[in-house]
């Protein structure tokens, strides 16, 4: 009898310890637990999944949650096509589906998602509760609106990662890299960048292999660039390494439509990696112009092959608009 009581007490203690540990999880670890539970509810039931924004006033927090969930879904759902946020946004743009990235998803919008072939959408809500915040993540069938699975977690008010993301959101709107020169666009969607003042913008960020925005990379890392344009334009991308050497990134399709999100390099099978033994600050300059002929003169192109990055010099100049992505290469710790 005493042994049974002792065992019962031990089990109770273990559950209590697990409960305390769960409450004290770091934010990113909590998102991993969330992804685990969502995956258990959808694995084997869906073919395609897209994560839309989390409903919250804090854009940086929403972006972080979406990126983390996408990361874990890719790792855990081998038989499911996990659609990245960029692919999702591009598909909506191509099909003229309006979606404001607010996290709010109507029944009509869900039907549009189903029409595009997404049979599962993951959405979330981040809100204030006593003593902190509450995050709810739900996976839904786009046709029936039936709930596959859901997860709810409470986050400490003083969680450093959450506090940082909230503060970042309050300080500024979603980052948009402005063009160096102001241009205007005609009303017709077939028109490109104009010659007079407008307010056209490029949103250009560097992302890692999982689609997460990064500003620090390490030798051997595979990196990509995500570019969005508010206007139709032709693009060219110049890479400047830590030694100041310049090289043009080969582009398969150099035309981007207004509101479209594109990932580079876009050559099939091409992988752009950070050179071994090179450290310091590098940058990428994205040029946008009304026509391909107005882009900078690209005499020599980077040699982009699977797993390698070659070097070449650039030449020429133009009056094209430009946006710069700055990042740093550091040694792995």
C-alpha atoms as a PDB file:
ATOM      1  CA  UNK A   1       0.000   0.000   0.000  1.00  0.00           C
ATOM      2  CA  UNK A   2       2.811   2.365   0.895  1.00  0.00           C
ATOM      3  CA  UNK A   3       4.517   1.612  -2.421  1.00  0.00           C
ATOM      4  CA  UNK A   4       1.321   2.457  -4.333  1.00  0.00           C
ATOM      5  CA  UNK A   5       1.009   5.725  -2.430  1.00  0.00           C
ATOM      6  CA  UNK A   6       4.667   6.549  -3.109  1.00  0.00           C
ATOM      7  CA  UNK A   7       4.267   5.820  -6.833  1.00  0.00           C
ATOM      8  CA  UNK A   8       1.103   7.917  -7.013  1.00  0.00           C
ATOM      9  CA  UNK A   9       2.895  10.783  -5.260  1.00  0.00           C
ATOM     10  CA  UNK A  10       5.818  10.500  -7.682  1.00  0.00           C
ATOM     11  CA  UNK A  11       3.509  10.585 -10.711  1.00  0.00           C
ATOM     12  CA  UNK A  12       1.696  13.607  -9.291  1.00  0.00           C
ATOM     13  CA  UNK A  13       5.018  15.343  -8.693  1.00  0.00           C
ATOM     14  CA  UNK A  14       6.143  14.637 -12.254  1.00  0.00           C
ATOM     15  CA  UNK A  15       2.910  16.051 -13.691  1.00  0.00           C
ATOM     16  CA  UNK A  16       3.246  19.113 -11.479  1.00  0.00           C
ATOM     17  CA  UNK A  17       6.824  19.629 -12.628  1.00  0.00           C
ATOM     18  CA  UNK A  18       5.780  19.237 -16.265  1.00  0.00           C
ATOM     19  CA  UNK A  19       3.001  21.767 -15.748  1.00  0.00           C
ATOM     20  CA  UNK A  20       5.394  24.307 -14.261  1.00  0.00           C
ATOM     21  CA  UNK A  21       7.874  23.664 -17.055  1.00  0.00           C
ATOM     22  CA  UNK A  22       5.192  24.181 -19.711  1.00  0.00           C
ATOM     23  CA  UNK A  23       4.277  27.553 -18.229  1.00  0.00           C
ATOM     24  CA  UNK A  24       7.909  28.604 -18.162  1.00  0.00           C
ATOM     25  CA  UNK A  25       8.679  27.675 -21.777  1.00  0.00           C
ATOM     26  CA  UNK A  26      10.465  30.291 -23.861  1.00  0.00           C
ATOM     27  CA  UNK A  27       8.294  31.791 -26.593  1.00  0.00           C
ATOM     28  CA  UNK A  28       9.931  29.993 -29.532  1.00  0.00           C
ATOM     29  CA  UNK A  29       9.835  26.676 -27.671  1.00  0.00           C
ATOM     30  CA  UNK A  30       6.138  27.288 -27.021  1.00  0.00           C
ATOM     31  CA  UNK A  31       5.593  27.794 -30.761  1.00  0.00           C
ATOM     32  CA  UNK A  32       7.342  24.474 -31.402  1.00  0.00           C
ATOM     33  CA  UNK A  33       4.918  22.772 -28.983  1.00  0.00           C
ATOM     34  CA  UNK A  34       2.063  24.528 -30.781  1.00  0.00           C
ATOM     35  CA  UNK A  35       3.289  23.237 -34.146  1.00  0.00           C
ATOM     36  CA  UNK A  36       3.535  19.689 -32.721  1.00  0.00           C
ATOM     37  CA  UNK A  37      -0.100  19.717 -31.615  1.00  0.00           C
ATOM     38  CA  UNK A  38      -1.373  21.278 -34.844  1.00  0.00           C
ATOM     39  CA  UNK A  39       0.557  18.696 -36.879  1.00  0.00           C
ATOM     40  CA  UNK A  40      -1.012  15.831 -34.918  1.00  0.00           C
ATOM     41  CA  UNK A  41      -4.440  17.072 -35.950  1.00  0.00           C
ATOM     42  CA  UNK A  42      -3.735  17.558 -39.667  1.00  0.00           C
ATOM     43  CA  UNK A  43      -1.095  14.972 -40.570  1.00  0.00           C
ATOM     44  CA  UNK A  44      -2.524  12.558 -43.128  1.00  0.00           C
ATOM     45  CA  UNK A  45      -5.680  14.656 -43.627  1.00  0.00           C
ATOM     46  CA  UNK A  46      -4.448  17.518 -45.822  1.00  0.00           C
ATOM     47  CA  UNK A  47      -2.282  17.928 -48.902  1.00  0.00           C
ATOM     48  CA  UNK A  48      -1.556  21.667 -48.800  1.00  0.00           C
ATOM     49  CA  UNK A  49      -1.309  24.047 -45.873  1.00  0.00           C
ATOM     50  CA  UNK A  50      -0.846  27.813 -45.748  1.00  0.00           C
ATOM     51  CA  UNK A  51      -0.250  29.893 -42.621  1.00  0.00           C
ATOM     52  CA  UNK A  52      -1.960  33.289 -42.732  1.00  0.00           C
ATOM     53  CA  UNK A  53      -1.213  36.149 -40.384  1.00  0.00           C
ATOM     54  CA  UNK A  54      -2.018  36.148 -36.679  1.00  0.00           C
ATOM     55  CA  UNK A  55      -4.725  38.628 -35.728  1.00  0.00           C
ATOM     56  CA  UNK A  56      -2.934  41.229 -33.628  1.00  0.00           C
ATOM     57  CA  UNK A  57      -1.933  44.883 -33.758  1.00  0.00           C
ATOM     58  CA  UNK A  58       1.747  43.891 -33.478  1.00  0.00           C
ATOM     59  CA  UNK A  59       3.046  43.184 -37.005  1.00  0.00           C
ATOM     60  CA  UNK A  60       6.517  41.971 -35.916  1.00  0.00           C
ATOM     61  CA  UNK A  61       4.970  39.472 -33.536  1.00  0.00           C
ATOM     62  CA  UNK A  62       2.599  38.181 -36.211  1.00  0.00           C
ATOM     63  CA  UNK A  63       5.427  37.813 -38.755  1.00  0.00           C
ATOM     64  CA  UNK A  64       7.566  35.951 -36.234  1.00  0.00           C
ATOM     65  CA  UNK A  65       4.813  33.499 -35.329  1.00  0.00           C
ATOM     66  CA  UNK A  66       3.999  32.791 -38.993  1.00  0.00           C
ATOM     67  CA  UNK A  67       7.671  32.225 -39.834  1.00  0.00           C
ATOM     68  CA  UNK A  68       8.240  29.913 -36.857  1.00  0.00           C
ATOM     69  CA  UNK A  69       5.146  27.824 -37.566  1.00  0.00           C
ATOM     70  CA  UNK A  70       6.104  27.515 -41.240  1.00  0.00           C
ATOM     71  CA  UNK A  71       9.579  26.398 -40.190  1.00  0.00           C
ATOM     72  CA  UNK A  72       8.274  23.597 -37.965  1.00  0.00           C
ATOM     73  CA  UNK A  73       5.548  22.517 -40.383  1.00  0.00           C
ATOM     74  CA  UNK A  74       8.169  22.018 -43.103  1.00  0.00           C
ATOM     75  CA  UNK A  75      10.225  19.857 -40.734  1.00  0.00           C
ATOM     76  CA  UNK A  76       7.331  17.786 -39.422  1.00  0.00           C
ATOM     77  CA  UNK A  77       4.914  17.375 -42.354  1.00  0.00           C
ATOM     78  CA  UNK A  78       6.815  15.354 -44.941  1.00  0.00           C
ATOM     79  CA  UNK A  79       3.782  14.526 -47.097  1.00  0.00           C
ATOM     80  CA  UNK A  80       2.215  18.009 -46.953  1.00  0.00           C
ATOM     81  CA  UNK A  81       2.992  20.936 -49.230  1.00  0.00           C
ATOM     82  CA  UNK A  82       3.702  23.790 -46.814  1.00  0.00           C
ATOM     83  CA  UNK A  83       3.128  27.036 -48.702  1.00  0.00           C
ATOM     84  CA  UNK A  84       5.452  29.851 -47.658  1.00  0.00           C
ATOM     85  CA  UNK A  85       4.063  33.282 -46.937  1.00  0.00           C
ATOM     86  CA  UNK A  86       5.655  34.640 -50.124  1.00  0.00           C
ATOM     87  CA  UNK A  87       4.154  31.910 -52.304  1.00  0.00           C
ATOM     88  CA  UNK A  88       0.804  32.416 -50.626  1.00  0.00           C
ATOM     89  CA  UNK A  89       0.863  36.190 -51.183  1.00  0.00           C
ATOM     90  CA  UNK A  90       1.972  35.763 -54.807  1.00  0.00           C
ATOM     91  CA  UNK A  91      -0.877  33.310 -55.502  1.00  0.00           C
ATOM     92  CA  UNK A  92      -3.443  35.720 -54.061  1.00  0.00           C
ATOM     93  CA  UNK A  93      -2.029  38.567 -56.160  1.00  0.00           C
ATOM     94  CA  UNK A  94      -2.059  36.536 -59.376  1.00  0.00           C
ATOM     95  CA  UNK A  95      -5.690  35.618 -58.785  1.00  0.00           C
ATOM     96  CA  UNK A  96      -6.696  39.145 -57.753  1.00  0.00           C
ATOM     97  CA  UNK A  97      -7.738  38.062 -54.266  1.00  0.00           C
ATOM     98  CA  UNK A  98      -7.595  40.886 -51.744  1.00  0.00           C
ATOM     99  CA  UNK A  99      -6.026  40.033 -48.403  1.00  0.00           C
ATOM    100  CA  UNK A 100      -4.736  42.761 -46.100  1.00  0.00           C
ATOM    101  CA  UNK A 101      -2.505  40.664 -43.827  1.00  0.00           C
ATOM    102  CA  UNK A 102      -4.540  41.596 -40.758  1.00  0.00           C
ATOM    103  CA  UNK A 103      -5.050  38.042 -39.552  1.00  0.00           C
ATOM    104  CA  UNK A 104      -8.798  38.287 -40.069  1.00  0.00           C
ATOM    105  CA  UNK A 105     -10.129  35.587 -42.414  1.00  0.00           C
ATOM    106  CA  UNK A 106     -13.764  35.657 -43.564  1.00  0.00           C
ATOM    107  CA  UNK A 107     -15.782  32.692 -44.846  1.00  0.00           C
ATOM    108  CA  UNK A 108     -15.659  34.195 -48.339  1.00  0.00           C
ATOM    109  CA  UNK A 109     -11.878  34.476 -48.168  1.00  0.00           C
ATOM    110  CA  UNK A 110     -11.635  30.847 -47.057  1.00  0.00           C
ATOM    111  CA  UNK A 111     -13.627  29.816 -50.124  1.00  0.00           C
ATOM    112  CA  UNK A 112     -11.152  31.697 -52.303  1.00  0.00           C
ATOM    113  CA  UNK A 113      -8.294  29.849 -50.599  1.00  0.00           C
ATOM    114  CA  UNK A 114     -10.039  26.550 -51.369  1.00  0.00           C
ATOM    115  CA  UNK A 115     -10.422  27.545 -55.005  1.00  0.00           C
ATOM    116  CA  UNK A 116      -6.660  28.046 -55.210  1.00  0.00           C
ATOM    117  CA  UNK A 117      -6.060  24.516 -53.939  1.00  0.00           C
ATOM    118  CA  UNK A 118      -5.281  25.193 -50.270  1.00  0.00           C
ATOM    119  CA  UNK A 119      -7.250  22.598 -48.312  1.00  0.00           C
ATOM    120  CA  UNK A 120      -5.979  23.768 -44.929  1.00  0.00           C
ATOM    121  CA  UNK A 121      -5.335  27.241 -43.549  1.00  0.00           C
ATOM    122  CA  UNK A 122      -3.737  27.989 -40.185  1.00  0.00           C
ATOM    123  CA  UNK A 123      -4.694  31.258 -38.518  1.00  0.00           C
ATOM    124  CA  UNK A 124      -4.180  32.750 -35.076  1.00  0.00           C
ATOM    125  CA  UNK A 125      -5.189  35.358 -32.536  1.00  0.00           C
ATOM    126  CA  UNK A 126      -2.916  37.112 -30.040  1.00  0.00           C
ATOM    127  CA  UNK A 127      -4.658  39.033 -27.238  1.00  0.00           C
ATOM    128  CA  UNK A 128      -4.223  40.427 -23.718  1.00  0.00           C
ATOM    129  CA  UNK A 129      -5.254  38.317 -20.720  1.00  0.00           C
ATOM    130  CA  UNK A 130      -4.698  38.697 -16.981  1.00  0.00           C
ATOM    131  CA  UNK A 131      -0.991  38.478 -16.242  1.00  0.00           C
ATOM    132  CA  UNK A 132       0.173  38.297 -19.844  1.00  0.00           C
ATOM    133  CA  UNK A 133      -1.011  37.311 -23.298  1.00  0.00           C
ATOM    134  CA  UNK A 134      -2.932  34.494 -24.929  1.00  0.00           C
ATOM    135  CA  UNK A 135      -2.163  32.949 -28.314  1.00  0.00           C
ATOM    136  CA  UNK A 136      -4.681  30.757 -30.115  1.00  0.00           C
ATOM    137  CA  UNK A 137      -3.714  28.911 -33.299  1.00  0.00           C
ATOM    138  CA  UNK A 138      -6.310  27.049 -35.365  1.00  0.00           C
ATOM    139  CA  UNK A 139      -6.089  24.801 -38.441  1.00  0.00           C
ATOM    140  CA  UNK A 140      -9.228  24.853 -40.617  1.00  0.00           C
ATOM    141  CA  UNK A 141     -10.534  23.005 -43.658  1.00  0.00           C
ATOM    142  CA  UNK A 142     -11.033  25.721 -46.285  1.00  0.00           C
ATOM    143  CA  UNK A 143     -14.133  24.152 -47.829  1.00  0.00           C
ATOM    144  CA  UNK A 144     -16.119  22.943 -44.827  1.00  0.00           C
ATOM    145  CA  UNK A 145     -14.563  25.386 -42.313  1.00  0.00           C
ATOM    146  CA  UNK A 146     -14.259  22.356 -40.042  1.00  0.00           C
ATOM    147  CA  UNK A 147     -11.551  22.679 -37.408  1.00  0.00           C
ATOM    148  CA  UNK A 148      -8.774  20.124 -37.758  1.00  0.00           C
ATOM    149  CA  UNK A 149      -6.937  21.100 -34.606  1.00  0.00           C
ATOM    150  CA  UNK A 150      -6.215  24.040 -32.343  1.00  0.00           C
ATOM    151  CA  UNK A 151      -3.776  25.129 -29.669  1.00  0.00           C
ATOM    152  CA  UNK A 152      -3.994  27.721 -26.897  1.00  0.00           C
ATOM    153  CA  UNK A 153      -1.147  29.006 -24.771  1.00  0.00           C
ATOM    154  CA  UNK A 154      -0.582  31.705 -22.191  1.00  0.00           C
ATOM    155  CA  UNK A 155       2.529  33.842 -22.495  1.00  0.00           C
ATOM    156  CA  UNK A 156       4.183  35.709 -19.650  1.00  0.00           C
ATOM    157  CA  UNK A 157       3.882  39.499 -19.826  1.00  0.00           C
ATOM    158  CA  UNK A 158       7.625  39.818 -19.225  1.00  0.00           C
ATOM    159  CA  UNK A 159       8.704  37.288 -21.879  1.00  0.00           C
ATOM    160  CA  UNK A 160      11.757  39.040 -23.416  1.00  0.00           C
ATOM    161  CA  UNK A 161      11.163  37.862 -26.994  1.00  0.00           C
ATOM    162  CA  UNK A 162       7.516  38.876 -27.009  1.00  0.00           C
ATOM    163  CA  UNK A 163       8.314  42.220 -25.380  1.00  0.00           C
ATOM    164  CA  UNK A 164      10.975  42.882 -28.037  1.00  0.00           C
ATOM    165  CA  UNK A 165       8.588  42.060 -30.895  1.00  0.00           C
ATOM    166  CA  UNK A 166       5.815  44.203 -29.432  1.00  0.00           C
ATOM    167  CA  UNK A 167       8.189  47.145 -28.902  1.00  0.00           C
ATOM    168  CA  UNK A 168       9.489  46.725 -32.452  1.00  0.00           C
ATOM    169  CA  UNK A 169       5.922  46.820 -33.784  1.00  0.00           C
ATOM    170  CA  UNK A 170       5.102  49.970 -31.813  1.00  0.00           C
ATOM    171  CA  UNK A 171       8.178  51.840 -33.011  1.00  0.00           C
ATOM    172  CA  UNK A 172       7.445  51.505 -36.718  1.00  0.00           C
ATOM    173  CA  UNK A 173       5.081  49.966 -39.282  1.00  0.00           C
ATOM    174  CA  UNK A 174       6.048  46.879 -41.289  1.00  0.00           C
ATOM    175  CA  UNK A 175       9.437  47.743 -42.839  1.00  0.00           C
ATOM    176  CA  UNK A 176       9.315  49.014 -46.397  1.00  0.00           C
ATOM    177  CA  UNK A 177      12.484  49.984 -48.257  1.00  0.00           C
ATOM    178  CA  UNK A 178      11.738  53.162 -50.167  1.00  0.00           C
ATOM    179  CA  UNK A 179      13.043  53.835 -53.645  1.00  0.00           C
ATOM    180  CA  UNK A 180      15.813  56.383 -53.862  1.00  0.00           C
ATOM    181  CA  UNK A 181      13.826  58.304 -56.465  1.00  0.00           C
ATOM    182  CA  UNK A 182      10.139  59.066 -56.560  1.00  0.00           C
ATOM    183  CA  UNK A 183       8.105  57.778 -59.520  1.00  0.00           C
ATOM    184  CA  UNK A 184       4.488  57.531 -60.562  1.00  0.00           C
ATOM    185  CA  UNK A 185       2.485  54.765 -62.145  1.00  0.00           C
ATOM    186  CA  UNK A 186      -0.321  55.055 -64.679  1.00  0.00           C
ATOM    187  CA  UNK A 187      -3.733  53.699 -63.670  1.00  0.00           C
ATOM    188  CA  UNK A 188      -3.579  50.898 -66.224  1.00  0.00           C
ATOM    189  CA  UNK A 189      -2.064  47.707 -64.787  1.00  0.00           C
ATOM    190  CA  UNK A 190      -0.181  47.221 -68.047  1.00  0.00           C
ATOM    191  CA  UNK A 191       1.837  50.382 -67.416  1.00  0.00           C
ATOM    192  CA  UNK A 192       5.179  50.327 -65.627  1.00  0.00           C
ATOM    193  CA  UNK A 193       7.031  52.889 -63.545  1.00  0.00           C
ATOM    194  CA  UNK A 194       6.394  56.438 -64.703  1.00  0.00           C
ATOM    195  CA  UNK A 195       8.701  59.424 -64.978  1.00  0.00           C
ATOM    196  CA  UNK A 196       7.169  61.768 -62.400  1.00  0.00           C
ATOM    197  CA  UNK A 197       6.756  61.753 -58.634  1.00  0.00           C
ATOM    198  CA  UNK A 198       4.638  59.047 -56.966  1.00  0.00           C
ATOM    199  CA  UNK A 199       5.666  57.118 -53.869  1.00  0.00           C
ATOM    200  CA  UNK A 200       6.459  53.763 -55.403  1.00  0.00           C
ATOM    201  CA  UNK A 201       8.146  51.402 -52.963  1.00  0.00           C
ATOM    202  CA  UNK A 202      10.172  48.221 -52.897  1.00  0.00           C
ATOM    203  CA  UNK A 203      10.132  45.854 -49.937  1.00  0.00           C
ATOM    204  CA  UNK A 204      13.385  43.906 -50.051  1.00  0.00           C
ATOM    205  CA  UNK A 205      14.709  41.584 -47.338  1.00  0.00           C
ATOM    206  CA  UNK A 206      17.205  38.755 -47.115  1.00  0.00           C
ATOM    207  CA  UNK A 207      15.781  35.411 -45.967  1.00  0.00           C
ATOM    208  CA  UNK A 208      17.257  32.068 -45.021  1.00  0.00           C
ATOM    209  CA  UNK A 209      16.393  28.664 -46.489  1.00  0.00           C
ATOM    210  CA  UNK A 210      13.256  28.505 -44.314  1.00  0.00           C
ATOM    211  CA  UNK A 211      11.954  31.899 -45.433  1.00  0.00           C
ATOM    212  CA  UNK A 212      12.830  33.744 -42.217  1.00  0.00           C
ATOM    213  CA  UNK A 213      14.161  37.332 -42.486  1.00  0.00           C
ATOM    214  CA  UNK A 214      17.828  37.527 -41.434  1.00  0.00           C
ATOM    215  CA  UNK A 215      20.458  40.230 -41.032  1.00  0.00           C
ATOM    216  CA  UNK A 216      23.303  37.978 -39.851  1.00  0.00           C
ATOM    217  CA  UNK A 217      24.505  34.900 -41.755  1.00  0.00           C
ATOM    218  CA  UNK A 218      27.402  32.459 -41.504  1.00  0.00           C
ATOM    219  CA  UNK A 219      29.741  30.780 -44.010  1.00  0.00           C
ATOM    220  CA  UNK A 220      27.971  27.923 -45.743  1.00  0.00           C
ATOM    221  CA  UNK A 221      24.464  29.315 -45.148  1.00  0.00           C
ATOM    222  CA  UNK A 222      22.070  29.233 -48.082  1.00  0.00           C
ATOM    223  CA  UNK A 223      20.452  32.642 -48.498  1.00  0.00           C
ATOM    224  CA  UNK A 224      17.744  34.143 -50.660  1.00  0.00           C
ATOM    225  CA  UNK A 225      16.207  37.548 -51.250  1.00  0.00           C
ATOM    226  CA  UNK A 226      12.501  38.374 -51.073  1.00  0.00           C
ATOM    227  CA  UNK A 227      11.398  41.370 -53.144  1.00  0.00           C
ATOM    228  CA  UNK A 228       7.967  43.005 -53.292  1.00  0.00           C
ATOM    229  CA  UNK A 229       7.059  45.986 -55.452  1.00  0.00           C
ATOM    230  CA  UNK A 230       4.116  48.362 -55.222  1.00  0.00           C
ATOM    231  CA  UNK A 231       4.411  48.959 -58.980  1.00  0.00           C
ATOM    232  CA  UNK A 232       5.067  46.890 -62.103  1.00  0.00           C
ATOM    233  CA  UNK A 233       8.793  46.932 -62.857  1.00  0.00           C
ATOM    234  CA  UNK A 234      11.832  45.187 -64.290  1.00  0.00           C
ATOM    235  CA  UNK A 235      14.439  44.131 -61.727  1.00  0.00           C
ATOM    236  CA  UNK A 236      18.177  43.670 -61.450  1.00  0.00           C
ATOM    237  CA  UNK A 237      20.008  42.531 -58.299  1.00  0.00           C
ATOM    238  CA  UNK A 238      23.590  43.517 -57.484  1.00  0.00           C
ATOM    239  CA  UNK A 239      25.511  41.670 -54.745  1.00  0.00           C
ATOM    240  CA  UNK A 240      28.424  43.425 -53.031  1.00  0.00           C
ATOM    241  CA  UNK A 241      30.563  41.159 -50.831  1.00  0.00           C
ATOM    242  CA  UNK A 242      32.606  42.009 -47.729  1.00  0.00           C
ATOM    243  CA  UNK A 243      35.648  42.783 -49.915  1.00  0.00           C
ATOM    244  CA  UNK A 244      33.694  45.276 -51.999  1.00  0.00           C
ATOM    245  CA  UNK A 245      33.559  43.037 -55.054  1.00  0.00           C
ATOM    246  CA  UNK A 246      30.387  43.393 -57.092  1.00  0.00           C
ATOM    247  CA  UNK A 247      28.455  40.710 -58.966  1.00  0.00           C
ATOM    248  CA  UNK A 248      25.087  40.615 -60.674  1.00  0.00           C
ATOM    249  CA  UNK A 249      22.669  37.882 -59.699  1.00  0.00           C
ATOM    250  CA  UNK A 250      21.321  35.984 -62.742  1.00  0.00           C
ATOM    251  CA  UNK A 251      17.523  36.247 -62.919  1.00  0.00           C
ATOM    252  CA  UNK A 252      15.226  33.909 -64.818  1.00  0.00           C
ATOM    253  CA  UNK A 253      12.247  36.304 -64.823  1.00  0.00           C
ATOM    254  CA  UNK A 254      13.188  39.943 -64.253  1.00  0.00           C
ATOM    255  CA  UNK A 255       9.626  41.304 -64.401  1.00  0.00           C
ATOM    256  CA  UNK A 256       7.625  41.815 -61.193  1.00  0.00           C
ATOM    257  CA  UNK A 257       3.991  42.872 -61.049  1.00  0.00           C
ATOM    258  CA  UNK A 258       2.514  45.403 -58.637  1.00  0.00           C
ATOM    259  CA  UNK A 259       1.867  43.737 -55.289  1.00  0.00           C
ATOM    260  CA  UNK A 260       3.710  40.557 -56.245  1.00  0.00           C
ATOM    261  CA  UNK A 261       6.253  38.898 -53.951  1.00  0.00           C
ATOM    262  CA  UNK A 262       9.232  37.188 -55.602  1.00  0.00           C
ATOM    263  CA  UNK A 263      12.085  35.061 -54.252  1.00  0.00           C
ATOM    264  CA  UNK A 264      15.621  35.219 -55.712  1.00  0.00           C
ATOM    265  CA  UNK A 265      17.675  33.518 -56.994  1.00  0.00           C
ATOM    266  CA  UNK A 266      14.881  32.210 -59.200  1.00  0.00           C
ATOM    267  CA  UNK A 267      16.979  29.984 -61.466  1.00  0.00           C
ATOM    268  CA  UNK A 268      15.866  26.377 -61.109  1.00  0.00           C
ATOM    269  CA  UNK A 269      18.300  24.428 -58.917  1.00  0.00           C
ATOM    270  CA  UNK A 270      20.458  27.496 -58.146  1.00  0.00           C
ATOM    271  CA  UNK A 271      21.672  27.883 -54.559  1.00  0.00           C
ATOM    272  CA  UNK A 272      23.383  31.038 -53.288  1.00  0.00           C
ATOM    273  CA  UNK A 273      25.711  30.401 -50.353  1.00  0.00           C
ATOM    274  CA  UNK A 274      27.943  32.532 -48.162  1.00  0.00           C
ATOM    275  CA  UNK A 275      31.625  32.029 -49.011  1.00  0.00           C
ATOM    276  CA  UNK A 276      33.828  30.242 -46.506  1.00  0.00           C
ATOM    277  CA  UNK A 277      36.370  32.441 -44.750  1.00  0.00           C
ATOM    278  CA  UNK A 278      34.670  35.725 -45.642  1.00  0.00           C
ATOM    279  CA  UNK A 279      33.381  37.904 -42.808  1.00  0.00           C
ATOM    280  CA  UNK A 280      32.061  41.430 -42.492  1.00  0.00           C
ATOM    281  CA  UNK A 281      29.311  43.604 -43.903  1.00  0.00           C
ATOM    282  CA  UNK A 282      27.749  42.841 -47.273  1.00  0.00           C
ATOM    283  CA  UNK A 283      24.831  44.315 -49.164  1.00  0.00           C
ATOM    284  CA  UNK A 284      22.413  43.607 -51.970  1.00  0.00           C
ATOM    285  CA  UNK A 285      21.077  46.411 -54.171  1.00  0.00           C
ATOM    286  CA  UNK A 286      17.757  45.773 -55.917  1.00  0.00           C
ATOM    287  CA  UNK A 287      17.139  47.969 -58.984  1.00  0.00           C
ATOM    288  CA  UNK A 288      13.689  48.627 -60.469  1.00  0.00           C
ATOM    289  CA  UNK A 289      13.076  50.304 -63.811  1.00  0.00           C
ATOM    290  CA  UNK A 290      10.355  51.067 -66.337  1.00  0.00           C
ATOM    291  CA  UNK A 291      12.034  48.804 -68.903  1.00  0.00           C
ATOM    292  CA  UNK A 292      14.883  46.290 -68.996  1.00  0.00           C
ATOM    293  CA  UNK A 293      16.944  48.740 -71.061  1.00  0.00           C
ATOM    294  CA  UNK A 294      16.838  51.286 -68.220  1.00  0.00           C
ATOM    295  CA  UNK A 295      18.459  48.897 -65.743  1.00  0.00           C
ATOM    296  CA  UNK A 296      22.187  49.144 -64.943  1.00  0.00           C
ATOM    297  CA  UNK A 297      24.510  47.597 -67.529  1.00  0.00           C
ATOM    298  CA  UNK A 298      25.130  44.019 -66.400  1.00  0.00           C
ATOM    299  CA  UNK A 299      28.233  43.059 -68.350  1.00  0.00           C
ATOM    300  CA  UNK A 300      29.108  39.993 -66.294  1.00  0.00           C
ATOM    301  CA  UNK A 301      26.888  37.751 -64.226  1.00  0.00           C
ATOM    302  CA  UNK A 302      27.549  35.835 -61.045  1.00  0.00           C
ATOM    303  CA  UNK A 303      28.204  32.157 -61.582  1.00  0.00           C
ATOM    304  CA  UNK A 304      25.423  30.572 -59.559  1.00  0.00           C
ATOM    305  CA  UNK A 305      25.603  26.812 -59.366  1.00  0.00           C
ATOM    306  CA  UNK A 306      24.314  24.381 -56.789  1.00  0.00           C
ATOM    307  CA  UNK A 307      26.202  25.069 -53.581  1.00  0.00           C
ATOM    308  CA  UNK A 308      28.575  27.688 -54.979  1.00  0.00           C
ATOM    309  CA  UNK A 309      28.823  31.418 -55.483  1.00  0.00           C
ATOM    310  CA  UNK A 310      31.217  32.834 -58.073  1.00  0.00           C
ATOM    311  CA  UNK A 311      32.545  36.367 -58.418  1.00  0.00           C
ATOM    312  CA  UNK A 312      32.453  38.825 -61.318  1.00  0.00           C
ATOM    313  CA  UNK A 313      32.618  42.584 -61.844  1.00  0.00           C
ATOM    314  CA  UNK A 314      29.700  44.807 -62.731  1.00  0.00           C
ATOM    315  CA  UNK A 315      29.659  47.691 -65.148  1.00  0.00           C
ATOM    316  CA  UNK A 316      27.475  50.486 -66.432  1.00  0.00           C
ATOM    317  CA  UNK A 317      25.019  52.803 -64.732  1.00  0.00           C
ATOM    318  CA  UNK A 318      21.402  53.855 -65.075  1.00  0.00           C
ATOM    319  CA  UNK A 319      18.711  56.047 -63.568  1.00  0.00           C
ATOM    320  CA  UNK A 320      16.758  53.097 -62.179  1.00  0.00           C
ATOM    321  CA  UNK A 321      15.241  53.151 -58.706  1.00  0.00           C
ATOM    322  CA  UNK A 322      17.062  51.126 -56.058  1.00  0.00           C
ATOM    323  CA  UNK A 323      16.679  49.611 -52.599  1.00  0.00           C
ATOM    324  CA  UNK A 324      19.489  48.228 -50.435  1.00  0.00           C
ATOM    325  CA  UNK A 325      19.578  45.190 -48.145  1.00  0.00           C
ATOM    326  CA  UNK A 326      22.419  45.309 -45.596  1.00  0.00           C
ATOM    327  CA  UNK A 327      23.543  42.212 -43.709  1.00  0.00           C
ATOM    328  CA  UNK A 328      26.588  40.865 -41.861  1.00  0.00           C
ATOM    329  CA  UNK A 329      28.603  37.642 -42.127  1.00  0.00           C
ATOM    330  CA  UNK A 330      29.895  36.283 -38.834  1.00  0.00           C
ATOM    331  CA  UNK A 331      31.818  33.176 -37.762  1.00  0.00           C
ATOM    332  CA  UNK A 332      29.793  30.286 -36.441  1.00  0.00           C
ATOM    333  CA  UNK A 333      30.020  29.993 -32.675  1.00  0.00           C
END
